[in-house]
C-alpha atoms as a PDB file:
ATOM      1  CA  MET A   1      26.008-154.018-216.328  1.00  0.00           C
ATOM      2  CA  ILE A   2      27.647-151.615-213.906  1.00  0.00           C
ATOM      3  CA  ASP A   3      28.018-152.791-210.312  1.00  0.00           C
ATOM      4  CA  ASN A   4      26.870-150.713-207.372  1.00  0.00           C
ATOM      5  CA  TYR A   5      30.418-149.916-206.219  1.00  0.00           C
ATOM      6  CA  VAL A   6      30.938-147.904-209.425  1.00  0.00           C
ATOM      7  CA  TYR A   7      28.107-145.573-208.411  1.00  0.00           C
ATOM      8  CA  VAL A   8      29.773-145.030-205.047  1.00  0.00           C
ATOM      9  CA  ILE A   9      33.122-144.248-206.684  1.00  0.00           C
ATOM     10  CA  VAL A  10      31.510-141.876-209.193  1.00  0.00           C
ATOM     11  CA  ALA A  11      29.652-140.131-206.344  1.00  0.00           C
ATOM     12  CA  LEU A  12      33.023-139.346-204.762  1.00  0.00           C
ATOM     13  CA  LEU A  13      33.930-137.038-207.680  1.00  0.00           C
ATOM     14  CA  PRO A  14      31.409-134.237-207.002  1.00  0.00           C
ATOM     15  CA  LEU A  15      31.853-134.703-203.248  1.00  0.00           C
ATOM     16  CA  SER A  16      35.620-134.195-203.428  1.00  0.00           C
ATOM     17  CA  ALA A  17      35.170-131.327-205.908  1.00  0.00           C
ATOM     18  CA  LEU A  18      32.795-129.598-203.487  1.00  0.00           C
ATOM     19  CA  MET A  19      35.257-130.087-200.640  1.00  0.00           C
ATOM     20  CA  LEU A  20      38.003-128.633-202.834  1.00  0.00           C
ATOM     21  CA  VAL A  21      36.228-125.403-203.742  1.00  0.00           C
ATOM     22  CA  THR A  22      35.139-124.725-200.153  1.00  0.00           C
ATOM     23  CA  GLN A  23      38.621-125.186-198.680  1.00  0.00           C
ATOM     24  CA  THR A  24      40.338-122.053-197.320  1.00  0.00           C
ATOM     25  CA  ASN A  25      43.679-123.547-196.352  1.00  0.00           C
ATOM     26  CA  PRO A  26      45.793-123.836-199.521  1.00  0.00           C
ATOM     27  CA  TYR A  27      47.712-126.869-198.271  1.00  0.00           C
ATOM     28  CA  ASN A  28      44.534-128.778-197.436  1.00  0.00           C
ATOM     29  CA  ALA A  29      43.188-127.816-200.867  1.00  0.00           C
ATOM     30  CA  LEU A  30      46.248-129.388-202.475  1.00  0.00           C
ATOM     31  CA  VAL A  31      45.681-132.655-200.634  1.00  0.00           C
ATOM     32  CA  ILE A  32      42.016-132.680-201.638  1.00  0.00           C
ATOM     33  CA  ARG A  33      43.021-131.906-205.246  1.00  0.00           C
ATOM     34  CA  ALA A  34      45.262-134.967-205.193  1.00  0.00           C
ATOM     35  CA  ILE A  35      42.377-137.057-203.835  1.00  0.00           C
ATOM     36  CA  LEU A  36      40.107-135.701-206.587  1.00  0.00           C
ATOM     37  CA  GLY A  37      42.641-136.707-209.238  1.00  0.00           C
ATOM     38  CA  ALA A  38      43.063-140.166-207.730  1.00  0.00           C
ATOM     39  CA  VAL A  39      39.291-140.718-207.657  1.00  0.00           C
ATOM     40  CA  ALA A  40      39.016-139.557-211.277  1.00  0.00           C
ATOM     41  CA  ALA A  41      41.787-141.952-212.293  1.00  0.00           C
ATOM     42  CA  LEU A  42      39.997-144.772-210.457  1.00  0.00           C
ATOM     43  CA  VAL A  43      36.717-143.988-212.237  1.00  0.00           C
ATOM     44  CA  TYR A  44      38.443-143.962-215.625  1.00  0.00           C
ATOM     45  CA  SER A  45      40.128-147.298-214.971  1.00  0.00           C
ATOM     46  CA  VAL A  46      36.926-148.947-213.685  1.00  0.00           C
ATOM     47  CA  LEU A  47      35.029-147.767-216.765  1.00  0.00           C
ATOM     48  CA  GLY A  48      37.686-149.159-219.106  1.00  0.00           C
ATOM     49  CA  GLY A  49      39.782-146.112-219.976  1.00  0.00           C
ATOM     50  CA  ALA A  50      43.157-147.303-218.740  1.00  0.00           C
ATOM     51  CA  ASP A  51      45.081-144.858-220.930  1.00  0.00           C
ATOM     52  CA  VAL A  52      43.040-141.893-219.690  1.00  0.00           C
ATOM     53  CA  ALA A  53      43.384-143.144-216.101  1.00  0.00           C
ATOM     54  CA  LEU A  54      47.161-143.331-216.421  1.00  0.00           C
ATOM     55  CA  THR A  55      47.309-139.827-217.913  1.00  0.00           C
ATOM     56  CA  GLU A  56      45.099-138.447-215.142  1.00  0.00           C
ATOM     57  CA  ALA A  57      47.198-140.122-212.460  1.00  0.00           C
ATOM     58  CA  LEU A  58      50.526-138.917-213.844  1.00  0.00           C
ATOM     59  CA  VAL A  59      49.733-135.467-215.195  1.00  0.00           C
ATOM     60  CA  GLY A  60      46.487-134.439-213.540  1.00  0.00           C
ATOM     61  CA  THR A  61      47.409-135.590-210.082  1.00  0.00           C
ATOM     62  CA  MET A  62      51.127-135.976-209.564  1.00  0.00           C
ATOM     63  CA  LEU A  63      52.536-133.267-211.822  1.00  0.00           C
ATOM     64  CA  ALA A  64      49.813-130.685-211.245  1.00  0.00           C
ATOM     65  CA  VAL A  65      49.853-131.055-207.459  1.00  0.00           C
ATOM     66  CA  THR A  66      53.654-130.879-207.394  1.00  0.00           C
ATOM     67  CA  LEU A  67      53.622-127.640-209.393  1.00  0.00           C
ATOM     68  CA  TYR A  68      50.850-126.215-207.219  1.00  0.00           C
ATOM     69  CA  VAL A  69      52.840-127.023-204.073  1.00  0.00           C
ATOM     70  CA  ILE A  70      55.828-125.117-205.446  1.00  0.00           C
ATOM     71  CA  ALA A  71      53.659-122.162-206.464  1.00  0.00           C
ATOM     72  CA  VAL A  72      51.768-121.986-203.158  1.00  0.00           C
ATOM     73  CA  ARG A  73      54.921-122.368-201.093  1.00  0.00           C
ATOM     74  CA  SER A  74      56.712-119.553-202.891  1.00  0.00           C
ATOM     75  CA  SER A  75      53.750-117.158-202.947  1.00  0.00           C
ATOM     76  CA  LEU A  76      52.791-117.300-199.276  1.00  0.00           C
ATOM     77  CA  VAL A  77      55.763-115.325-197.970  1.00  0.00           C
ATOM     78  CA  MET A  78      55.804-111.966-196.237  1.00  0.00           C
ATOM     79  CA  ARG A  79      59.170-110.314-196.812  1.00  0.00           C
ATOM     80  CA  LEU A  80      59.973-107.855-194.021  1.00  0.00           C
ATOM     81  CA  GLY A  81      62.949-105.556-194.368  1.00  0.00           C
ATOM     82  CA  ILE A  82      64.987-104.763-191.262  1.00  0.00           C
ATOM     83  CA  LEU A  83      68.269-103.032-190.592  1.00  0.00           C
ATOM     84  CA  ALA A  84      71.255-105.327-190.276  1.00  0.00           C
ATOM     85  CA  GLN A  85      72.040-105.866-186.609  1.00  0.00           C
ATOM     86  CA  LYS A  86      75.572-105.905-185.320  1.00  0.00           C
ATOM     87  CA  PRO A  87      76.286-109.086-183.324  1.00  0.00           C
ATOM     88  CA  ASP A  88      77.015-107.186-180.118  1.00  0.00           C
ATOM     89  CA  LEU A  89      73.824-105.087-180.334  1.00  0.00           C
ATOM     90  CA  THR A  90      71.184-107.822-180.299  1.00  0.00           C
ATOM     91  CA  GLU A  91      67.979-106.642-178.682  1.00  0.00           C
ATOM     92  CA  ASP A  92      65.493-108.856-176.890  1.00  0.00           C
ATOM     93  CA  TYR A  93      62.704-106.535-177.998  1.00  0.00           C
ATOM     94  CA  ILE A  94      63.207-107.124-181.727  1.00  0.00           C
ATOM     95  CA  THR A  95      63.486-110.873-181.133  1.00  0.00           C
ATOM     96  CA  GLU A  96      60.189-110.898-179.228  1.00  0.00           C
ATOM     97  CA  PHE A  97      58.621-108.673-181.865  1.00  0.00           C
ATOM     98  CA  ILE A  98      59.600-111.029-184.699  1.00  0.00           C
ATOM     99  CA  ALA A  99      58.366-114.076-182.736  1.00  0.00           C
ATOM    100  CA  SER A 100      54.993-112.407-182.119  1.00  0.00           C
ATOM    101  CA  LEU A 101      54.748-111.353-185.757  1.00  0.00           C
ATOM    102  CA  ARG A 102      55.461-114.910-186.916  1.00  0.00           C
ATOM    103  CA  LYS A 103      52.550-116.201-184.784  1.00  0.00           C
ATOM    104  CA  VAL A 104      50.100-113.747-186.368  1.00  0.00           C
ATOM    105  CA  ILE A 105      51.366-114.386-189.897  1.00  0.00           C
ATOM    106  CA  LYS A 106      51.241-118.161-189.412  1.00  0.00           C
ATOM    107  CA  LYS A 107      47.493-117.993-188.687  1.00  0.00           C
ATOM    108  CA  HIS A 108      47.052-116.834-192.279  1.00  0.00           C
ATOM    109  CA  HIS A 109      49.264-119.597-193.710  1.00  0.00           C
ATOM    110  CA  LEU A 110      52.138-117.224-194.447  1.00  0.00           C
ATOM    111  CA  ARG A 111      55.842-117.464-193.749  1.00  0.00           C
ATOM    112  CA  LEU A 112      57.905-114.532-192.549  1.00  0.00           C
ATOM    113  CA  GLU A 113      61.163-113.893-194.345  1.00  0.00           C
ATOM    114  CA  LEU A 114      63.492-111.278-192.874  1.00  0.00           C
ATOM    115  CA  VAL A 115      65.645-109.335-195.321  1.00  0.00           C
ATOM    116  CA  GLU A 116      68.482-107.281-193.848  1.00  0.00           C
ATOM    117  CA  TYR A 117      69.610-103.969-195.333  1.00  0.00           C
ATOM    118  CA  PRO A 118      72.727-102.022-194.343  1.00  0.00           C
ATOM    119  CA  ASP A 119      71.098 -98.576-193.904  1.00  0.00           C
ATOM    120  CA  ARG A 120      67.723 -96.812-193.706  1.00  0.00           C
ATOM    121  CA  ASP A 121      67.928 -95.396-197.230  1.00  0.00           C
ATOM    122  CA  SER A 122      68.343 -98.796-198.870  1.00  0.00           C
ATOM    123  CA  LEU A 123      65.595-100.175-196.593  1.00  0.00           C
ATOM    124  CA  LYS A 124      63.110 -97.510-197.727  1.00  0.00           C
ATOM    125  CA  GLN A 125      64.188 -97.841-201.359  1.00  0.00           C
ATOM    126  CA  ALA A 126      63.612-101.599-201.260  1.00  0.00           C
ATOM    127  CA  LEU A 127      60.057-100.974-200.054  1.00  0.00           C
ATOM    128  CA  LEU A 128      59.410 -98.496-202.852  1.00  0.00           C
ATOM    129  CA  ASN A 129      60.951-100.854-205.431  1.00  0.00           C
ATOM    130  CA  ARG A 130      58.644-103.672-204.243  1.00  0.00           C
ATOM    131  CA  GLU A 131      61.498-105.943-203.212  1.00  0.00           C
ATOM    132  CA  ILE A 132      59.890-106.389-199.791  1.00  0.00           C
ATOM    133  CA  HIS A 133      56.340-106.168-198.441  1.00  0.00           C
ATOM    134  CA  GLY A 134      57.128-104.069-195.406  1.00  0.00           C
ATOM    135  CA  ILE A 135      59.829-102.556-193.250  1.00  0.00           C
ATOM    136  CA  CYS A 136      60.376-102.438-189.525  1.00  0.00           C
ATOM    137  CA  ASP A 137      62.608 -99.678-188.243  1.00  0.00           C
ATOM    138  CA  ARG A 138      63.332 -98.162-184.872  1.00  0.00           C
ATOM    139  CA  SER A 139      61.807 -94.701-184.744  1.00  0.00           C
ATOM    140  CA  GLY A 140      62.923 -93.607-181.279  1.00  0.00           C
ATOM    141  CA  THR A 141      62.328 -94.451-177.635  1.00  0.00           C
ATOM    142  CA  SER A 142      59.240 -94.375-175.485  1.00  0.00           C
ATOM    143  CA  ASN A 143      58.889 -91.477-173.063  1.00  0.00           C
ATOM    144  CA  ILE A 144      57.482 -93.682-170.331  1.00  0.00           C
ATOM    145  CA  ASP A 145      60.020 -96.467-169.878  1.00  0.00           C
ATOM    146  CA  ASN A 146      62.748 -95.791-172.497  1.00  0.00           C
ATOM    147  CA  ASN A 147      61.803 -98.889-174.513  1.00  0.00           C
ATOM    148  CA  PRO A 148      62.480 -98.626-178.233  1.00  0.00           C
ATOM    149  CA  VAL A 149      59.548 -97.626-180.461  1.00  0.00           C
ATOM    150  CA  TYR A 150      59.330 -99.385-183.815  1.00  0.00           C
ATOM    151  CA  GLN A 151      57.628 -98.133-186.949  1.00  0.00           C
ATOM    152  CA  THR A 152      56.328-100.836-189.293  1.00  0.00           C
ATOM    153  CA  THR A 153      55.371 -99.700-192.771  1.00  0.00           C
ATOM    154  CA  ILE A 154      53.491-102.113-195.046  1.00  0.00           C
ATOM    155  CA  ARG A 155      52.857-101.686-198.793  1.00  0.00           C
ATOM    156  CA  VAL A 156      50.400-104.601-199.262  1.00  0.00           C
ATOM    157  CA  HIS A 157      46.943-103.570-198.121  1.00  0.00           C
ATOM    158  CA  ARG A 158      45.801-107.054-197.054  1.00  0.00           C
ATOM    159  CA  LEU A 159      48.896-107.514-194.873  1.00  0.00           C
ATOM    160  CA  PHE A 160      48.270-104.080-193.378  1.00  0.00           C
ATOM    161  CA  GLU A 161      44.689-105.069-192.512  1.00  0.00           C
ATOM    162  CA  ILE A 162      45.847-108.307-190.891  1.00  0.00           C
ATOM    163  CA  LEU A 163      48.506-106.590-188.796  1.00  0.00           C
ATOM    164  CA  GLN A 164      46.248-103.718-187.844  1.00  0.00           C
ATOM    165  CA  LYS A 165      43.500-106.052-186.598  1.00  0.00           C
ATOM    166  CA  GLU A 166      45.462-108.895-185.051  1.00  0.00           C
ATOM    167  CA  PHE A 167      48.943-107.680-184.159  1.00  0.00           C
ATOM    168  CA  THR A 168      49.102-105.753-180.931  1.00  0.00           C
ATOM    169  CA  TYR A 169      52.524-105.086-179.566  1.00  0.00           C
ATOM    170  CA  PRO A 170      53.695-102.388-177.152  1.00  0.00           C
ATOM    171  CA  ASP A 171      55.426 -99.344-178.626  1.00  0.00           C
ATOM    172  CA  LEU A 172      54.653-100.285-182.231  1.00  0.00           C
ATOM    173  CA  LYS A 173      53.211 -98.059-184.929  1.00  0.00           C
ATOM    174  CA  ILE A 174      51.854 -99.655-188.107  1.00  0.00           C
ATOM    175  CA  SER A 175      51.276 -97.614-191.261  1.00  0.00           C
ATOM    176  CA  TYR A 176      50.320 -98.292-194.861  1.00  0.00           C
ATOM    177  CA  ILE A 177      52.112 -96.818-197.846  1.00  0.00           C
ATOM    178  CA  THR A 178      51.103 -96.957-201.494  1.00  0.00           C
ATOM    179  CA  PRO A 179      54.246 -97.208-203.629  1.00  0.00           C
ATOM    180  CA  PRO A 180      54.463 -94.795-206.568  1.00  0.00           C
ATOM    181  CA  ASN A 181      52.892 -96.070-209.809  1.00  0.00           C
ATOM    182  CA  SER A 182      50.944 -98.676-207.893  1.00  0.00           C
ATOM    183  CA  GLU A 183      47.967 -99.929-209.900  1.00  0.00           C
ATOM    184  CA  ASP A 184      47.159-102.880-207.667  1.00  0.00           C
ATOM    185  CA  LYS A 185      46.810-103.594-203.956  1.00  0.00           C
ATOM    186  CA  HIS A 186      48.202-107.187-204.236  1.00  0.00           C
END
């Protein structure tokens, strides 16, 4: 005869599965996936399948979640190409720009990785070769107060939409470019 606590434990499986599929934050989803695996292992052990419970705990929970963490961590990166700055020419504007961009990107669970290139040609070529997701380059100065004007070009449509809607910064132009031979929008 099965005790009542088994019914409660078994009821946790569909509940945690429902929580998992409705989760939008990938890191929270990983935690809930680990909980789902632990509950499944508990159910298997309570019902007498110790070997299946051990396999679920080791492979289904620990190994799978570890691999998912690595995959999620490496895929949620926005690579932005910039020109290499000389140490004596540091600008407060670009520092503020990058800090503001990081705040917007962080809302979408992304990390910002800056990739420096020595000249404009290699910067543009890296964008076309899909080494980076976007470039930020100084395109001149503002007529009003002589502040630098930056042109940001993005090749991933979803990133372009995010920046266009949520990223407002003075003297910044954002544009979208489709790289040649591009079949997908990422």
